[in-house]
Amino acid sequence: NIDEIMETAHHFREQVLGIPYYPLGFDPGYGVLSENPALPAACAANGFVFIGPAAEPMRNMGDKTKVKAMAERCGVPVIP
């Protein structure tokens, strides 16, 4: 639940660090969160710096048809 993650991050920043606003870095690690384009968008909307790709490139890379066409335009060999 990305909303819950953002709420926890806000709580940590404000209550534990005592800083109401500071652009803390957010590293999702590996796995489901690191591949979810909603997370970098939520970080940007909540004043956190997402350590990883922005939401739009992440969305594009998740679409196999779109990324294959992009690779072909760049001259990367692909399997037909």
Protein backbone atom coordinates (compact mmCIF):
# COMPACT_ATOMS: atom_id res chain seq x y z
CA ASN A 1 0.00 0.00 0.00
CA ILE A 2 1.85 3.06 -1.27
CA ASP A 3 -0.30 5.49 0.73
CA GLU A 4 0.67 3.67 3.93
CA ILE A 5 4.34 3.75 2.91
CA MET A 6 4.16 7.52 2.34
CA GLU A 7 2.40 7.98 5.70
CA THR A 8 5.14 6.00 7.45
CA ALA A 9 7.86 7.98 5.65
CA HIS A 10 6.20 11.27 6.70
CA HIS A 11 5.99 10.03 10.29
CA PHE A 12 9.66 9.02 10.28
CA ARG A 13 10.75 12.35 8.83
CA GLU A 14 8.64 14.45 11.20
CA GLN A 15 8.56 12.46 14.45
CA VAL A 16 11.84 10.56 14.43
CA LEU A 17 14.09 13.06 12.66
CA GLY A 18 12.17 16.13 13.81
CA ILE A 19 12.24 17.67 10.32
CA PRO A 20 8.81 18.67 8.97
CA TYR A 21 10.09 19.00 5.43
CA TYR A 22 13.33 17.78 3.95
CA PRO A 23 13.72 15.98 0.62
CA LEU A 24 14.82 12.61 1.99
CA GLY A 25 15.89 9.95 -0.49
CA PHE A 26 13.65 6.93 -0.84
CA ASP A 27 15.33 3.73 -2.01
CA PRO A 28 12.78 0.98 -2.75
CA GLY A 29 15.35 -1.82 -2.74
CA TYR A 30 14.47 -4.80 -4.94
CA GLY A 31 11.20 -6.44 -5.83
CA VAL A 32 7.64 -5.27 -6.26
CA LEU A 33 8.07 -1.68 -5.03
CA SER A 34 11.11 -1.03 -7.18
CA GLU A 35 9.06 -1.90 -10.29
CA ASN A 36 5.88 0.01 -9.44
CA PRO A 37 5.58 3.36 -11.28
CA ALA A 38 3.12 4.60 -8.66
CA LEU A 39 5.92 4.78 -6.07
CA PRO A 40 8.16 7.39 -7.78
CA ALA A 41 5.03 9.42 -8.56
CA ALA A 42 3.95 9.25 -4.88
CA CYS A 43 7.46 10.20 -3.74
CA ALA A 44 7.45 13.27 -5.99
CA ALA A 45 3.99 14.28 -4.76
CA ASN A 46 5.06 13.90 -1.11
CA GLY A 47 8.42 15.68 -1.19
CA PHE A 48 10.67 12.63 -1.25
CA VAL A 49 13.44 11.94 -3.74
CA PHE A 50 12.94 8.56 -5.38
CA ILE A 51 16.25 6.78 -5.94
CA GLY A 52 15.59 5.09 -9.25
CA PRO A 53 13.88 5.80 -12.55
CA ALA A 54 11.01 8.26 -12.85
CA ALA A 55 7.46 6.95 -13.20
CA GLU A 56 7.10 7.46 -16.98
CA PRO A 57 10.23 5.55 -18.07
CA MET A 58 9.29 2.81 -15.60
CA ARG A 59 5.81 2.60 -17.14
CA ASN A 60 7.32 2.47 -20.64
CA MET A 61 9.77 -0.31 -19.74
CA GLY A 62 6.91 -2.37 -18.31
CA ASP A 63 5.13 -2.35 -21.68
CA LYS A 64 6.93 -5.01 -23.74
CA THR A 65 5.44 -3.89 -27.07
CA LYS A 66 6.40 -0.26 -26.45
CA VAL A 67 9.94 -1.08 -25.27
CA LYS A 68 10.53 -3.39 -28.26
CA ALA A 69 9.50 -0.60 -30.67
CA MET A 70 11.77 1.83 -28.77
CA ALA A 71 14.69 -0.60 -29.05
CA GLU A 72 14.10 -1.00 -32.80
CA ARG A 73 14.06 2.80 -33.28
CA CYS A 74 17.42 2.96 -31.49
CA GLY A 75 18.91 0.27 -33.72
CA VAL A 76 19.04 -2.42 -31.04
CA PRO A 77 18.68 -5.92 -32.56
CA VAL A 78 15.45 -7.60 -31.44
CA ILE A 79 13.88 -10.97 -32.11
CA PRO A 80 10.97 -10.61 -34.58
